[in-house]
Amino acid sequence: MILQNKHIFHESIDEYAQARIKFISGRMENADWTECITLVPKMRNGKRYIAKVKLDITNQKFKSFSSSDYVVNLKEIVTAETESTVSTQKYTYEVKHHMIEEDFVRFDYFPYLQYPHYHINANEEKWGNHLTYPEKTNLNLKLLDSLKALNIFEKFQHHPHHHILDIDKNDMYKDILQ
C-alpha cells in the first residue's frame, strides 16, 4: 500500500525486526544478523523502543544453496508508523549471478514523480526495461516485502529453470506474494 510516497507493511516494527533476524540467522550462509540489520532506538516517556530498522544484506547466499553462483542484496529502511505498521520510502531487493553481470532480477520501489513507483529491473534484452504490473509482469510488487523477496529468491535457486519473470513458469513465485 502507498501512503504519502511511502510503502506500508502491515506488521509492527518489532515483528518486522524479529522476522528478518530469524530468517537471516536460520537461512543465510555466513550471515550475522547484526551485520545485516541495524536497530535504531529512541526514547519516549522514559521507555526505549525501536524507531527504525535498517536492512542491508549484501552479497549473501542461502545456507541451503551455499555452492550457488547467486547472491542476494536487499536494502531498505523501515520506520514505525503505528503499533501495527511500518513504512519505507525506498527498497531494492535483488538476486544476481556473481559472475554474469546481466543475470539478475531486482525489485525496486521509489516514489518517482514521472516513473512507476514499483518496477522490476532485469536483463533488458531478454525481459525488457522497468517491468511494471500488470503491463509487463504478472508479479504485483505492491504485495512484496523483504521476506517475500528472500523466499522468492531462495525458491528460484531451487528451481532455476522456472525463472522469476517467466509468466508461463512463475506461479510458485506469485503464490509467495499472496
Foldseek 3Di string as FASTA:
>chain_A
DDDPLKQKDFAAPVVVLVVVCCCCVPWWPPDHVVVFKDFDWDDDPRDIDGFKIWGWADQIHTPVPVVAQKGKTKTWMWGGDDRGMIITNKIKIKIARNPDVQAMKIWIAHPDPPDDRTFIAGNCVVQNGGAAPPPRAPAHCSLDDRVLSVVLNVVCSVVVVQDCGPRVRNVVSNVSSD
